[in-house]
Amino acid sequence: MPYTYKYPRPSVTTDAIIITQIKDEFLILLIKRCNDPFKNMWALPGGFIEMDEDLMDACKRELKEETGIDDAPLNEFAAFGTPGRDPRGRTISIVFWGIVDNKTAIEAGDDAAKVQWFRINELPQLAFDHEEIIERFKNEHQDVMSSCKA
């Protein structure tokens, strides 16, 4: 019989910040959600990890399922776990980031209705706490943004 634990446990997700550069503009890849919560809102690609899955593998799987990108080199950025960030329950997200060539093919799939590049400083209203995540990334990774040559 598997071990059971009497205390509640949070869910774990991964999200991906994927950026590219066209001329002097930085773009970020977002997906339009098919499902609630936040149906039809834009969000970072991502989702729940599977029980036997490494965090990086989960992020790469979700990125491929939702955007078609399957070869982006990813780096771990930060964990986000403020209570209430996800209306479905206590959820902690480990966020990864990567830079791709601006000619990288993208295609919406799985629970993403659409996938699109946005200017990183001109974002639509975002689901969950993704605006906060992107702002923190921009503030902490100015060096990456200034050296990005996709």
Protein backbone atom coordinates (compact mmCIF):
# COMPACT_ATOMS: atom_id res chain seq x y z
CA MET A 1 0.00 0.00 0.00
CA PRO A 2 1.42 3.45 -0.89
CA TYR A 3 2.33 5.76 1.92
CA THR A 4 -0.32 8.37 2.69
CA TYR A 5 0.25 11.75 4.22
CA LYS A 6 -2.37 13.41 6.41
CA TYR A 7 -1.40 16.99 5.52
CA PRO A 8 -2.65 18.80 2.39
CA ARG A 9 -0.19 19.03 -0.50
CA PRO A 10 0.08 21.70 -3.19
CA SER A 11 0.07 21.04 -6.92
CA VAL A 12 3.20 21.80 -8.94
CA THR A 13 3.30 23.32 -12.42
CA THR A 14 5.98 24.59 -14.75
CA ASP A 15 5.78 27.65 -16.98
CA ALA A 16 8.07 28.80 -19.79
CA ILE A 17 9.26 32.29 -20.64
CA ILE A 18 10.34 32.03 -24.28
CA ILE A 19 11.83 35.14 -25.83
CA THR A 20 13.18 36.12 -29.21
CA GLN A 21 14.47 39.27 -30.83
CA ILE A 22 13.56 40.95 -34.11
CA LYS A 23 15.82 43.89 -34.80
CA ASP A 24 15.86 45.81 -31.49
CA GLU A 25 12.55 44.43 -30.19
CA PHE A 26 12.19 41.65 -27.67
CA LEU A 27 9.18 39.39 -28.05
CA ILE A 28 7.69 36.86 -25.64
CA LEU A 29 5.63 33.83 -26.56
CA LEU A 30 2.16 33.53 -25.03
CA ILE A 31 -0.70 31.08 -25.41
CA LYS A 32 -4.42 31.80 -25.36
CA ARG A 33 -6.06 29.43 -22.88
CA CYS A 34 -8.83 27.07 -24.07
CA ASN A 35 -10.02 26.16 -20.59
CA ASP A 36 -11.01 27.69 -17.29
CA PRO A 37 -9.69 29.19 -15.21
CA PHE A 38 -8.93 32.25 -17.30
CA LYS A 39 -10.43 30.80 -20.48
CA ASN A 40 -9.56 32.95 -23.55
CA MET A 41 -6.89 34.89 -21.65
CA TRP A 42 -3.21 34.96 -22.56
CA ALA A 43 -0.68 33.12 -20.41
CA LEU A 44 2.80 31.67 -20.40
CA PRO A 45 2.93 28.16 -21.84
CA GLY A 46 2.93 25.60 -19.06
CA GLY A 47 1.01 23.12 -17.00
CA PHE A 48 0.97 20.48 -14.30
CA ILE A 49 3.87 18.07 -13.86
CA GLU A 50 3.25 14.36 -14.02
CA MET A 51 4.06 12.26 -10.94
CA ASP A 52 7.14 10.59 -12.45
CA GLU A 53 8.43 13.62 -14.36
CA ASP A 54 11.45 15.84 -13.79
CA LEU A 55 10.63 19.58 -13.66
CA MET A 56 12.67 20.44 -16.77
CA ASP A 57 11.10 17.55 -18.67
CA ALA A 58 7.62 18.71 -17.64
CA CYS A 59 8.34 22.23 -18.90
CA LYS A 60 9.69 20.94 -22.22
CA ARG A 61 6.68 18.63 -22.63
CA GLU A 62 4.17 21.40 -21.94
CA LEU A 63 6.04 23.79 -24.22
CA LYS A 64 5.95 21.27 -27.07
CA GLU A 65 2.29 20.37 -26.49
CA GLU A 66 1.09 23.98 -26.39
CA THR A 67 3.42 25.73 -28.87
CA GLY A 68 5.10 23.07 -31.02
CA ILE A 69 8.56 24.14 -29.80
CA ASP A 70 10.57 21.07 -28.86
CA ASP A 71 14.20 22.14 -28.91
CA ALA A 72 14.44 25.33 -26.85
CA PRO A 73 17.34 25.34 -24.40
CA LEU A 74 15.80 26.15 -21.00
CA ASN A 75 17.20 27.61 -17.80
CA GLU A 76 15.52 27.57 -14.41
CA PHE A 77 14.39 31.04 -13.36
CA ALA A 78 12.36 31.06 -10.13
CA ALA A 79 9.53 29.48 -8.17
CA PHE A 80 6.23 31.28 -7.66
CA GLY A 81 3.85 30.11 -4.96
CA THR A 82 1.82 32.94 -3.51
CA PRO A 83 -1.39 31.46 -2.08
CA GLY A 84 -4.32 32.32 -4.34
CA ARG A 85 -2.28 32.59 -7.56
CA ASP A 86 -4.40 29.79 -9.03
CA PRO A 87 -8.14 29.60 -8.29
CA ARG A 88 -8.06 25.78 -8.65
CA GLY A 89 -6.11 25.45 -5.41
CA ARG A 90 -2.66 25.79 -3.88
CA THR A 91 -0.27 25.69 -6.84
CA ILE A 92 3.45 26.32 -7.04
CA SER A 93 5.02 27.03 -10.42
CA ILE A 94 8.66 26.55 -11.33
CA VAL A 95 9.41 28.93 -14.20
CA PHE A 96 12.03 28.27 -16.86
CA TRP A 97 13.24 30.59 -19.63
CA GLY A 98 14.85 30.25 -23.01
CA ILE A 99 15.78 32.15 -26.14
CA VAL A 100 14.78 30.92 -29.58
CA ASP A 101 15.47 32.08 -33.12
CA ASN A 102 12.78 34.41 -34.43
CA LYS A 103 12.15 31.99 -37.31
CA THR A 104 11.20 29.17 -34.92
CA ALA A 105 7.92 27.60 -36.02
CA ILE A 106 5.07 27.82 -33.52
CA GLU A 107 1.72 26.05 -33.56
CA ALA A 108 -1.02 26.02 -30.93
CA GLY A 109 -1.90 22.62 -29.53
CA ASP A 110 -3.30 20.74 -26.53
CA ASP A 111 -5.14 23.26 -24.32
CA ALA A 112 -3.81 26.34 -26.15
CA ALA A 113 -6.34 27.90 -28.53
CA LYS A 114 -3.70 30.18 -30.05
CA VAL A 115 0.01 30.91 -29.73
CA GLN A 116 1.46 34.32 -30.55
CA TRP A 117 4.52 36.53 -30.09
CA PHE A 118 3.99 39.81 -28.19
CA ARG A 119 6.31 42.75 -27.62
CA ILE A 120 7.59 42.15 -24.11
CA ASN A 121 6.69 45.71 -23.08
CA GLU A 122 3.22 45.66 -24.69
CA LEU A 123 1.43 42.66 -23.20
CA PRO A 124 -2.28 41.89 -23.12
CA GLN A 125 -3.99 41.20 -19.80
CA LEU A 126 -2.52 37.94 -18.51
CA ALA A 127 -3.88 34.98 -16.56
CA PHE A 128 -2.73 33.93 -13.09
CA ASP A 129 0.28 35.95 -11.85
CA HIS A 130 2.05 35.83 -15.21
CA GLU A 131 2.41 39.61 -15.50
CA GLU A 132 4.29 39.62 -12.18
CA ILE A 133 6.47 36.72 -13.35
CA ILE A 134 7.38 38.48 -16.61
CA GLU A 135 8.10 41.79 -14.86
CA ARG A 136 10.42 40.05 -12.40
CA PHE A 137 12.15 38.27 -15.27
CA LYS A 138 12.69 41.56 -17.13
CA ASN A 139 14.05 43.23 -13.97
CA GLU A 140 16.40 40.39 -13.09
CA HIS A 141 17.59 39.52 -16.60
CA GLN A 142 18.47 42.84 -18.21
CA ASP A 143 21.83 41.30 -19.15
CA VAL A 144 20.10 38.51 -21.08
CA MET A 145 17.79 40.94 -22.81
CA SER A 146 20.65 43.22 -23.85
CA SER A 147 22.73 40.32 -25.21
CA CYS A 148 19.90 38.40 -26.92
CA LYS A 149 20.74 37.91 -30.57
CA ALA A 150 18.18 35.43 -31.88
